[in-house]
Amino acid sequence: SDFIGGNAIMLAVAFFLILSIFLGVRIVPQSEKHVVERF
């Protein structure tokens, strides 16, 4: 149970990092401009 719990935390951290990278990096085509809003 400790091993599964430790792996779950690592998987959650890895998923969070991947999701952060996916959400934080934006590739904009040459023919577009993107408008970013915060709250």
PDB file of all heavy atoms in Angstrom:
ATOM      1  N   SER A   1       0.824  -1.207   0.000  1.00  0.00           N
ATOM      2  CA  SER A   1       0.000   0.000   0.000  1.00  0.00           C
ATOM      3  C   SER A   1       0.860   1.259   0.000  1.00  0.00           C
ATOM      4  O   SER A   1       0.541   2.261  -0.652  1.00  0.00           O
ATOM      5  CB  SER A   1      -0.938  -0.011   1.220  1.00  0.00           C
ATOM      6  OG  SER A   1      -0.180  -0.056   2.417  1.00  0.00           O
ATOM      7  N   ASP A   2       2.001   1.219   0.765  1.00  0.00           N
ATOM      8  CA  ASP A   2       2.917   2.378   0.754  1.00  0.00           C
ATOM      9  C   ASP A   2       3.521   2.584  -0.628  1.00  0.00           C
ATOM     10  O   ASP A   2       3.685   3.713  -1.088  1.00  0.00           O
ATOM     11  CB  ASP A   2       4.015   2.161   1.800  1.00  0.00           C
ATOM     12  CG  ASP A   2       3.463   2.156   3.231  1.00  0.00           C
ATOM     13  OD1 ASP A   2       2.364   2.761   3.405  1.00  0.00           O
ATOM     14  OD2 ASP A   2       4.111   1.576   4.093  1.00  0.00           O
ATOM     15  N   PHE A   3       3.877   1.465  -1.317  1.00  0.00           N
ATOM     16  CA  PHE A   3       4.468   1.587  -2.658  1.00  0.00           C
ATOM     17  C   PHE A   3       3.481   2.187  -3.655  1.00  0.00           C
ATOM     18  O   PHE A   3       3.807   3.057  -4.460  1.00  0.00           O
ATOM     19  CB  PHE A   3       4.929   0.203  -3.122  1.00  0.00           C
ATOM     20  CG  PHE A   3       5.503   0.176  -4.502  1.00  0.00           C
ATOM     21  CD1 PHE A   3       6.792   0.641  -4.736  1.00  0.00           C
ATOM     22  CD2 PHE A   3       4.752  -0.298  -5.574  1.00  0.00           C
ATOM     23  CE1 PHE A   3       7.312   0.627  -6.007  1.00  0.00           C
ATOM     24  CE2 PHE A   3       5.267  -0.309  -6.839  1.00  0.00           C
ATOM     25  CZ  PHE A   3       6.560   0.138  -7.075  1.00  0.00           C
ATOM     26  N   ILE A   4       2.238   1.704  -3.574  1.00  0.00           N
ATOM     27  CA  ILE A   4       1.215   2.231  -4.493  1.00  0.00           C
ATOM     28  C   ILE A   4       0.939   3.700  -4.188  1.00  0.00           C
ATOM     29  O   ILE A   4       0.777   4.524  -5.093  1.00  0.00           O
ATOM     30  CB  ILE A   4      -0.064   1.391  -4.381  1.00  0.00           C
ATOM     31  CG1 ILE A   4       0.209  -0.042  -4.873  1.00  0.00           C
ATOM     32  CG2 ILE A   4      -1.200   2.006  -5.170  1.00  0.00           C
ATOM     33  CD1 ILE A   4      -0.958  -0.983  -4.673  1.00  0.00           C
ATOM     34  N   GLY A   5       0.911   4.018  -2.872  1.00  0.00           N
ATOM     35  CA  GLY A   5       0.663   5.406  -2.500  1.00  0.00           C
ATOM     36  C   GLY A   5       1.773   6.328  -2.984  1.00  0.00           C
ATOM     37  O   GLY A   5       1.537   7.412  -3.484  1.00  0.00           O
ATOM     38  N   GLY A   6       3.049   5.881  -2.832  1.00  0.00           N
ATOM     39  CA  GLY A   6       4.170   6.700  -3.313  1.00  0.00           C
ATOM     40  C   GLY A   6       4.150   6.879  -4.808  1.00  0.00           C
ATOM     41  O   GLY A   6       4.383   7.976  -5.340  1.00  0.00           O
ATOM     42  N   ASN A   7       3.874   5.826  -5.564  1.00  0.00           N
ATOM     43  CA  ASN A   7       3.783   5.933  -7.037  1.00  0.00           C
ATOM     44  C   ASN A   7       2.638   6.824  -7.474  1.00  0.00           C
ATOM     45  O   ASN A   7       2.725   7.552  -8.462  1.00  0.00           O
ATOM     46  CB  ASN A   7       3.628   4.547  -7.650  1.00  0.00           C
ATOM     47  CG  ASN A   7       4.906   3.730  -7.532  1.00  0.00           C
ATOM     48  OD1 ASN A   7       6.002   4.311  -7.411  1.00  0.00           O
ATOM     49  ND2 ASN A   7       4.788   2.412  -7.545  1.00  0.00           N
ATOM     50  N   ALA A   8       1.538   6.769  -6.750  1.00  0.00           N
ATOM     51  CA  ALA A   8       0.392   7.615  -7.108  1.00  0.00           C
ATOM     52  C   ALA A   8       0.752   9.086  -6.972  1.00  0.00           C
ATOM     53  O   ALA A   8       0.368   9.919  -7.804  1.00  0.00           O
ATOM     54  CB  ALA A   8      -0.803   7.255  -6.235  1.00  0.00           C
ATOM     55  N   ILE A   9       1.498   9.386  -5.912  1.00  0.00           N
ATOM     56  CA  ILE A   9       1.903  10.788  -5.731  1.00  0.00           C
ATOM     57  C   ILE A   9       2.831  11.219  -6.854  1.00  0.00           C
ATOM     58  O   ILE A   9       2.698  12.314  -7.422  1.00  0.00           O
ATOM     59  CB  ILE A   9       2.571  10.963  -4.352  1.00  0.00           C
ATOM     60  CG1 ILE A   9       1.565  10.713  -3.230  1.00  0.00           C
ATOM     61  CG2 ILE A   9       3.184  12.357  -4.243  1.00  0.00           C
ATOM     62  CD1 ILE A   9       2.161  10.725  -1.840  1.00  0.00           C
ATOM     63  N   MET A  10       3.769  10.344  -7.219  1.00  0.00           N
ATOM     64  CA  MET A  10       4.688  10.681  -8.311  1.00  0.00           C
ATOM     65  C   MET A  10       3.950  10.813  -9.641  1.00  0.00           C
ATOM     66  O   MET A  10       4.221  11.718 -10.435  1.00  0.00           O
ATOM     67  CB  MET A  10       5.773   9.601  -8.416  1.00  0.00           C
ATOM     68  CG  MET A  10       6.712   9.539  -7.213  1.00  0.00           C
ATOM     69  SD  MET A  10       7.971   8.260  -7.382  1.00  0.00           S
ATOM     70  CE  MET A  10       8.799   8.790  -8.839  1.00  0.00           C
ATOM     71  N   LEU A  11       2.999   9.905  -9.837  1.00  0.00           N
ATOM     72  CA  LEU A  11       2.195  10.006 -11.066  1.00  0.00           C
ATOM     73  C   LEU A  11       1.377  11.287 -11.085  1.00  0.00           C
ATOM     74  O   LEU A  11       1.239  11.941 -12.126  1.00  0.00           O
ATOM     75  CB  LEU A  11       1.282   8.786 -11.191  1.00  0.00           C
ATOM     76  CG  LEU A  11       1.973   7.452 -11.479  1.00  0.00           C
ATOM     77  CD1 LEU A  11       0.963   6.312 -11.443  1.00  0.00           C
ATOM     78  CD2 LEU A  11       2.667   7.509 -12.842  1.00  0.00           C
ATOM     79  N   ALA A  12       0.848  11.668  -9.946  1.00  0.00           N
ATOM     80  CA  ALA A  12       0.071  12.907  -9.874  1.00  0.00           C
ATOM     81  C   ALA A  12       0.953  14.115 -10.140  1.00  0.00           C
ATOM     82  O   ALA A  12       0.565  15.056 -10.862  1.00  0.00           O
ATOM     83  CB  ALA A  12      -0.624  13.008  -8.514  1.00  0.00           C
ATOM     84  N   VAL A  13       2.157  14.093  -9.554  1.00  0.00           N
ATOM     85  CA  VAL A  13       3.091  15.212  -9.802  1.00  0.00           C
ATOM     86  C   VAL A  13       3.486  15.273 -11.269  1.00  0.00           C
ATOM     87  O   VAL A  13       3.523  16.336 -11.897  1.00  0.00           O
ATOM     88  CB  VAL A  13       4.323  15.071  -8.887  1.00  0.00           C
ATOM     89  CG1 VAL A  13       5.390  16.085  -9.272  1.00  0.00           C
ATOM     90  CG2 VAL A  13       3.930  15.242  -7.434  1.00  0.00           C
ATOM     91  N   ALA A  14       3.779  14.101 -11.842  1.00  0.00           N
ATOM     92  CA  ALA A  14       4.149  14.062 -13.261  1.00  0.00           C
ATOM     93  C   ALA A  14       3.004  14.539 -14.139  1.00  0.00           C
ATOM     94  O   ALA A  14       3.190  15.309 -15.100  1.00  0.00           O
ATOM     95  CB  ALA A  14       4.579  12.649 -13.653  1.00  0.00           C
ATOM     96  N   PHE A  15       1.798  14.111 -13.830  1.00  0.00           N
ATOM     97  CA  PHE A  15       0.630  14.542 -14.597  1.00  0.00           C
ATOM     98  C   PHE A  15       0.436  16.052 -14.477  1.00  0.00           C
ATOM     99  O   PHE A  15       0.114  16.735 -15.456  1.00  0.00           O
ATOM    100  CB  PHE A  15      -0.604  13.784 -14.107  1.00  0.00           C
ATOM    101  CG  PHE A  15      -1.868  14.218 -14.789  1.00  0.00           C
ATOM    102  CD1 PHE A  15      -2.167  13.787 -16.086  1.00  0.00           C
ATOM    103  CD2 PHE A  15      -2.757  15.061 -14.140  1.00  0.00           C
ATOM    104  CE1 PHE A  15      -3.326  14.193 -16.704  1.00  0.00           C
ATOM    105  CE2 PHE A  15      -3.904  15.476 -14.769  1.00  0.00           C
ATOM    106  CZ  PHE A  15      -4.208  15.048 -16.071  1.00  0.00           C
ATOM    107  N   PHE A  16       0.661  16.562 -13.253  1.00  0.00           N
ATOM    108  CA  PHE A  16       0.514  18.001 -13.036  1.00  0.00           C
ATOM    109  C   PHE A  16       1.548  18.781 -13.848  1.00  0.00           C
ATOM    110  O   PHE A  16       1.232  19.819 -14.446  1.00  0.00           O
ATOM    111  CB  PHE A  16       0.655  18.310 -11.546  1.00  0.00           C
ATOM    112  CG  PHE A  16       0.571  19.763 -11.229  1.00  0.00           C
ATOM    113  CD1 PHE A  16      -0.654  20.428 -11.182  1.00  0.00           C
ATOM    114  CD2 PHE A  16       1.737  20.493 -10.969  1.00  0.00           C
ATOM    115  CE1 PHE A  16      -0.707  21.767 -10.888  1.00  0.00           C
ATOM    116  CE2 PHE A  16       1.671  21.841 -10.678  1.00  0.00           C
ATOM    117  CZ  PHE A  16       0.446  22.494 -10.631  1.00  0.00           C
ATOM    118  N   LEU A  17       2.782  18.272 -13.865  1.00  0.00           N
ATOM    119  CA  LEU A  17       3.822  18.949 -14.632  1.00  0.00           C
ATOM    120  C   LEU A  17       3.519  18.915 -16.128  1.00  0.00           C
ATOM    121  O   LEU A  17       3.688  19.922 -16.836  1.00  0.00           O
ATOM    122  CB  LEU A  17       5.181  18.291 -14.346  1.00  0.00           C
ATOM    123  CG  LEU A  17       5.736  18.472 -12.938  1.00  0.00           C
ATOM    124  CD1 LEU A  17       7.045  17.680 -12.763  1.00  0.00           C
ATOM    125  CD2 LEU A  17       5.960  19.950 -12.637  1.00  0.00           C
ATOM    126  N   ILE A  18       3.096  17.750 -16.599  1.00  0.00           N
ATOM    127  CA  ILE A  18       2.770  17.645 -18.027  1.00  0.00           C
ATOM    128  C   ILE A  18       1.612  18.567 -18.388  1.00  0.00           C
ATOM    129  O   ILE A  18       1.626  19.263 -19.405  1.00  0.00           O
ATOM    130  CB  ILE A  18       2.443  16.185 -18.382  1.00  0.00           C
ATOM    131  CG1 ILE A  18       3.695  15.309 -18.225  1.00  0.00           C
ATOM    132  CG2 ILE A  18       1.905  16.080 -19.803  1.00  0.00           C
ATOM    133  CD1 ILE A  18       3.425  13.831 -18.402  1.00  0.00           C
ATOM    134  N   LEU A  19       0.598  18.594 -17.529  1.00  0.00           N
ATOM    135  CA  LEU A  19      -0.553  19.471 -17.781  1.00  0.00           C
ATOM    136  C   LEU A  19      -0.149  20.941 -17.725  1.00  0.00           C
ATOM    137  O   LEU A  19      -0.626  21.759 -18.528  1.00  0.00           O
ATOM    138  CB  LEU A  19      -1.647  19.171 -16.755  1.00  0.00           C
ATOM    139  CG  LEU A  19      -2.945  19.988 -16.924  1.00  0.00           C
ATOM    140  CD1 LEU A  19      -3.580  19.685 -18.277  1.00  0.00           C
ATOM    141  CD2 LEU A  19      -3.922  19.677 -15.785  1.00  0.00           C
ATOM    142  N   SER A  20       0.751  21.283 -16.811  1.00  0.00           N
ATOM    143  CA  SER A  20       1.215  22.673 -16.706  1.00  0.00           C
ATOM    144  C   SER A  20       1.969  23.077 -17.971  1.00  0.00           C
ATOM    145  O   SER A  20       1.809  24.199 -18.485  1.00  0.00           O
ATOM    146  CB  SER A  20       2.093  22.840 -15.471  1.00  0.00           C
ATOM    147  OG  SER A  20       1.363  22.570 -14.296  1.00  0.00           O
ATOM    148  N   ILE A  21       2.826  22.161 -18.433  1.00  0.00           N
ATOM    149  CA  ILE A  21       3.566  22.464 -19.673  1.00  0.00           C
ATOM    150  C   ILE A  21       2.607  22.604 -20.851  1.00  0.00           C
ATOM    151  O   ILE A  21       2.729  23.507 -21.680  1.00  0.00           O
ATOM    152  CB  ILE A  21       4.618  21.377 -19.945  1.00  0.00           C
ATOM    153  CG1 ILE A  21       5.693  21.389 -18.852  1.00  0.00           C
ATOM    154  CG2 ILE A  21       5.244  21.552 -21.318  1.00  0.00           C
ATOM    155  CD1 ILE A  21       6.680  20.240 -18.946  1.00  0.00           C
ATOM    156  N   PHE A  22       1.627  21.695 -20.885  1.00  0.00           N
ATOM    157  CA  PHE A  22       0.660  21.735 -21.987  1.00  0.00           C
ATOM    158  C   PHE A  22      -0.156  23.035 -21.969  1.00  0.00           C
ATOM    159  O   PHE A  22      -0.423  23.634 -23.015  1.00  0.00           O
ATOM    160  CB  PHE A  22      -0.264  20.519 -21.881  1.00  0.00           C
ATOM    161  CG  PHE A  22      -1.330  20.492 -22.936  1.00  0.00           C
ATOM    162  CD1 PHE A  22      -1.035  20.089 -24.234  1.00  0.00           C
ATOM    163  CD2 PHE A  22      -2.631  20.879 -22.627  1.00  0.00           C
ATOM    164  CE1 PHE A  22      -2.024  20.076 -25.193  1.00  0.00           C
ATOM    165  CE2 PHE A  22      -3.618  20.857 -23.587  1.00  0.00           C
ATOM    166  CZ  PHE A  22      -3.320  20.457 -24.886  1.00  0.00           C
ATOM    167  N   LEU A  23      -0.518  23.466 -20.785  1.00  0.00           N
ATOM    168  CA  LEU A  23      -1.309  24.689 -20.663  1.00  0.00           C
ATOM    169  C   LEU A  23      -0.456  25.946 -20.732  1.00  0.00           C
ATOM    170  O   LEU A  23      -0.960  27.023 -21.093  1.00  0.00           O
ATOM    171  CB  LEU A  23      -2.100  24.678 -19.349  1.00  0.00           C
ATOM    172  CG  LEU A  23      -3.161  23.589 -19.202  1.00  0.00           C
ATOM    173  CD1 LEU A  23      -3.808  23.657 -17.825  1.00  0.00           C
ATOM    174  CD2 LEU A  23      -4.217  23.713 -20.297  1.00  0.00           C
ATOM    175  N   GLY A  24       0.800  25.856 -20.389  1.00  0.00           N
ATOM    176  CA  GLY A  24       1.643  27.044 -20.322  1.00  0.00           C
ATOM    177  C   GLY A  24       2.347  27.376 -21.628  1.00  0.00           C
ATOM    178  O   GLY A  24       2.796  28.505 -21.827  1.00  0.00           O
ATOM    179  N   VAL A  25       2.477  26.402 -22.523  1.00  0.00           N
ATOM    180  CA  VAL A  25       3.166  26.639 -23.798  1.00  0.00           C
ATOM    181  C   VAL A  25       2.123  26.776 -24.894  1.00  0.00           C
ATOM    182  O   VAL A  25       1.276  25.894 -25.067  1.00  0.00           O
ATOM    183  CB  VAL A  25       4.146  25.492 -24.120  1.00  0.00           C
ATOM    184  CG1 VAL A  25       4.792  25.729 -25.473  1.00  0.00           C
ATOM    185  CG2 VAL A  25       5.197  25.379 -23.021  1.00  0.00           C
ATOM    186  N   ARG A  26       2.193  27.875 -25.622  1.00  0.00           N
ATOM    187  CA  ARG A  26       1.263  28.115 -26.711  1.00  0.00           C
ATOM    188  C   ARG A  26       2.044  28.381 -27.993  1.00  0.00           C
ATOM    189  O   ARG A  26       2.939  29.238 -28.030  1.00  0.00           O
ATOM    190  CB  ARG A  26       0.368  29.317 -26.409  1.00  0.00           C
ATOM    191  CG  ARG A  26      -0.622  29.080 -25.291  1.00  0.00           C
ATOM    192  CD  ARG A  26      -1.612  28.015 -25.664  1.00  0.00           C
ATOM    193  NE  ARG A  26      -2.628  27.833 -24.638  1.00  0.00           N
ATOM    194  CZ  ARG A  26      -3.162  26.681 -24.347  1.00  0.00           C
ATOM    195  NH1 ARG A  26      -2.752  25.600 -24.974  1.00  0.00           N
ATOM    196  NH2 ARG A  26      -4.094  26.574 -23.416  1.00  0.00           N
ATOM    197  N   ILE A  27       1.725  27.618 -29.027  1.00  0.00           N
ATOM    198  CA  ILE A  27       2.334  27.822 -30.347  1.00  0.00           C
ATOM    199  C   ILE A  27       1.295  28.511 -31.229  1.00  0.00           C
ATOM    200  O   ILE A  27       0.228  27.951 -31.510  1.00  0.00           O
ATOM    201  CB  ILE A  27       2.776  26.491 -30.972  1.00  0.00           C
ATOM    202  CG1 ILE A  27       3.832  25.822 -30.085  1.00  0.00           C
ATOM    203  CG2 ILE A  27       3.323  26.721 -32.380  1.00  0.00           C
ATOM    204  CD1 ILE A  27       4.268  24.463 -30.597  1.00  0.00           C
ATOM    205  N   VAL A  28       1.625  29.728 -31.646  1.00  0.00           N
ATOM    206  CA  VAL A  28       0.686  30.557 -32.424  1.00  0.00           C
ATOM    207  C   VAL A  28       1.096  30.510 -33.888  1.00  0.00           C
ATOM    208  O   VAL A  28       2.259  30.786 -34.213  1.00  0.00           O
ATOM    209  CB  VAL A  28       0.674  32.003 -31.908  1.00  0.00           C
ATOM    210  CG1 VAL A  28      -0.324  32.841 -32.705  1.00  0.00           C
ATOM    211  CG2 VAL A  28       0.346  32.030 -30.423  1.00  0.00           C
ATOM    212  N   PRO A  29       0.192  30.179 -34.801  1.00  0.00           N
ATOM    213  CA  PRO A  29       0.526  30.199 -36.246  1.00  0.00           C
ATOM    214  C   PRO A  29       0.824  31.615 -36.733  1.00  0.00           C
ATOM    215  O   PRO A  29       0.428  32.612 -36.122  1.00  0.00           O
ATOM    216  CB  PRO A  29      -0.742  29.636 -36.903  1.00  0.00           C
ATOM    217  CG  PRO A  29      -1.478  28.937 -35.818  1.00  0.00           C
ATOM    218  CD  PRO A  29      -1.153  29.673 -34.549  1.00  0.00           C
ATOM    219  N   GLN A  30       1.500  31.688 -37.881  1.00  0.00           N
ATOM    220  CA  GLN A  30       1.874  32.974 -38.447  1.00  0.00           C
ATOM    221  C   GLN A  30       0.643  33.810 -38.834  1.00  0.00           C
ATOM    222  O   GLN A  30       0.689  35.049 -38.833  1.00  0.00           O
ATOM    223  CB  GLN A  30       2.744  32.750 -39.694  1.00  0.00           C
ATOM    224  CG  GLN A  30       3.248  34.028 -40.361  1.00  0.00           C
ATOM    225  CD  GLN A  30       4.256  34.746 -39.499  1.00  0.00           C
ATOM    226  OE1 GLN A  30       5.076  34.118 -38.832  1.00  0.00           O
ATOM    227  NE2 GLN A  30       4.207  36.083 -39.497  1.00  0.00           N
ATOM    228  N   SER A  31      -0.451  33.137 -39.155  1.00  0.00           N
ATOM    229  CA  SER A  31      -1.647  33.845 -39.635  1.00  0.00           C
ATOM    230  C   SER A  31      -2.601  34.237 -38.520  1.00  0.00           C
ATOM    231  O   SER A  31      -3.703  34.716 -38.804  1.00  0.00           O
ATOM    232  CB  SER A  31      -2.409  32.957 -40.631  1.00  0.00           C
ATOM    233  OG  SER A  31      -2.806  31.734 -40.029  1.00  0.00           O
ATOM    234  N   GLU A  32      -2.187  34.065 -37.239  1.00  0.00           N
ATOM    235  CA  GLU A  32      -3.100  34.348 -36.128  1.00  0.00           C
ATOM    236  C   GLU A  32      -2.404  35.146 -35.034  1.00  0.00           C
ATOM    237  O   GLU A  32      -1.173  35.226 -34.979  1.00  0.00           O
ATOM    238  CB  GLU A  32      -3.650  33.041 -35.522  1.00  0.00           C
ATOM    239  CG  GLU A  32      -4.561  32.261 -36.451  1.00  0.00           C
ATOM    240  CD  GLU A  32      -5.097  31.010 -35.777  1.00  0.00           C
ATOM    241  OE1 GLU A  32      -4.666  30.712 -34.634  1.00  0.00           O
ATOM    242  OE2 GLU A  32      -5.925  30.318 -36.386  1.00  0.00           O
ATOM    243  N   LYS A  33      -3.257  35.737 -34.189  1.00  0.00           N
ATOM    244  CA  LYS A  33      -2.828  36.305 -32.916  1.00  0.00           C
ATOM    245  C   LYS A  33      -3.819  35.847 -31.849  1.00  0.00           C
ATOM    246  O   LYS A  33      -5.020  35.793 -32.113  1.00  0.00           O
ATOM    247  CB  LYS A  33      -2.784  37.833 -32.981  1.00  0.00           C
ATOM    248  CG  LYS A  33      -1.608  38.392 -33.772  1.00  0.00           C
ATOM    249  CD  LYS A  33      -1.550  39.909 -33.672  1.00  0.00           C
ATOM    250  CE  LYS A  33      -0.338  40.456 -34.418  1.00  0.00           C
ATOM    251  NZ  LYS A  33      -0.249  41.943 -34.309  1.00  0.00           N
ATOM    252  N   HIS A  34      -3.275  35.532 -30.668  1.00  0.00           N
ATOM    253  CA  HIS A  34      -4.121  35.022 -29.601  1.00  0.00           C
ATOM    254  C   HIS A  34      -4.215  36.055 -28.482  1.00  0.00           C
ATOM    255  O   HIS A  34      -3.202  36.632 -28.067  1.00  0.00           O
ATOM    256  CB  HIS A  34      -3.562  33.718 -29.032  1.00  0.00           C
ATOM    257  CG  HIS A  34      -3.620  32.587 -30.018  1.00  0.00           C
ATOM    258  ND1 HIS A  34      -3.172  31.307 -29.704  1.00  0.00           N
ATOM    259  CD2 HIS A  34      -4.104  32.514 -31.278  1.00  0.00           C
ATOM    260  CE1 HIS A  34      -3.366  30.527 -30.754  1.00  0.00           C
ATOM    261  NE2 HIS A  34      -3.927  31.244 -31.718  1.00  0.00           N
ATOM    262  N   VAL A  35      -5.445  36.262 -28.016  1.00  0.00           N
ATOM    263  CA  VAL A  35      -5.701  37.198 -26.920  1.00  0.00           C
ATOM    264  C   VAL A  35      -5.808  36.396 -25.625  1.00  0.00           C
ATOM    265  O   VAL A  35      -6.659  35.491 -25.506  1.00  0.00           O
ATOM    266  CB  VAL A  35      -6.994  37.996 -27.173  1.00  0.00           C
ATOM    267  CG1 VAL A  35      -7.283  38.922 -25.981  1.00  0.00           C
ATOM    268  CG2 VAL A  35      -6.874  38.799 -28.451  1.00  0.00           C
ATOM    269  N   VAL A  36      -4.954  36.715 -24.653  1.00  0.00           N
ATOM    270  CA  VAL A  36      -4.886  35.975 -23.382  1.00  0.00           C
ATOM    271  C   VAL A  36      -5.564  36.805 -22.292  1.00  0.00           C
ATOM    272  O   VAL A  36      -5.305  38.014 -22.156  1.00  0.00           O
ATOM    273  CB  VAL A  36      -3.429  35.681 -23.003  1.00  0.00           C
ATOM    274  CG1 VAL A  36      -3.358  34.973 -21.661  1.00  0.00           C
ATOM    275  CG2 VAL A  36      -2.765  34.846 -24.085  1.00  0.00           C
ATOM    276  N   GLU A  37      -6.424  36.152 -21.533  1.00  0.00           N
ATOM    277  CA  GLU A  37      -7.108  36.791 -20.407  1.00  0.00           C
ATOM    278  C   GLU A  37      -6.684  36.121 -19.100  1.00  0.00           C
ATOM    279  O   GLU A  37      -6.389  34.918 -19.055  1.00  0.00           O
ATOM    280  CB  GLU A  37      -8.622  36.675 -20.559  1.00  0.00           C
ATOM    281  CG  GLU A  37      -9.182  37.476 -21.725  1.00  0.00           C
ATOM    282  CD  GLU A  37     -10.682  37.343 -21.815  1.00  0.00           C
ATOM    283  OE1 GLU A  37     -11.250  36.476 -21.083  1.00  0.00           O
ATOM    284  OE2 GLU A  37     -11.300  38.057 -22.608  1.00  0.00           O
ATOM    285  N   ARG A  38      -6.670  36.913 -18.021  1.00  0.00           N
ATOM    286  CA  ARG A  38      -6.436  36.397 -16.671  1.00  0.00           C
ATOM    287  C   ARG A  38      -7.589  36.865 -15.786  1.00  0.00           C
ATOM    288  O   ARG A  38      -7.753  38.067 -15.567  1.00  0.00           O
ATOM    289  CB  ARG A  38      -5.105  36.889 -16.125  1.00  0.00           C
ATOM    290  CG  ARG A  38      -4.837  36.439 -14.678  1.00  0.00           C
ATOM    291  CD  ARG A  38      -3.482  36.883 -14.208  1.00  0.00           C
ATOM    292  NE  ARG A  38      -2.406  36.234 -14.955  1.00  0.00           N
ATOM    293  CZ  ARG A  38      -1.104  36.473 -14.736  1.00  0.00           C
ATOM    294  NH1 ARG A  38      -0.741  37.351 -13.816  1.00  0.00           N
ATOM    295  NH2 ARG A  38      -0.205  35.855 -15.461  1.00  0.00           N
ATOM    296  N   PHE A  39      -8.361  35.933 -15.362  1.00  0.00           N
ATOM    297  CA  PHE A  39      -9.557  36.217 -14.567  1.00  0.00           C
ATOM    298  C   PHE A  39     -10.488  37.206 -15.277  1.00  0.00           C
ATOM    299  O   PHE A  39     -11.045  38.129 -14.666  1.00  0.00           O
ATOM    300  CB  PHE A  39      -9.179  36.760 -13.176  1.00  0.00           C
ATOM    301  CG  PHE A  39      -8.308  35.832 -12.396  1.00  0.00           C
ATOM    302  CD1 PHE A  39      -7.035  36.214 -12.018  1.00  0.00           C
ATOM    303  CD2 PHE A  39      -8.745  34.554 -12.043  1.00  0.00           C
ATOM    304  CE1 PHE A  39      -6.219  35.363 -11.285  1.00  0.00           C
ATOM    305  CE2 PHE A  39      -7.930  33.695 -11.315  1.00  0.00           C
ATOM    306  CZ  PHE A  39      -6.661  34.090 -10.937  1.00  0.00           C
TER     307      PHE A  39
END
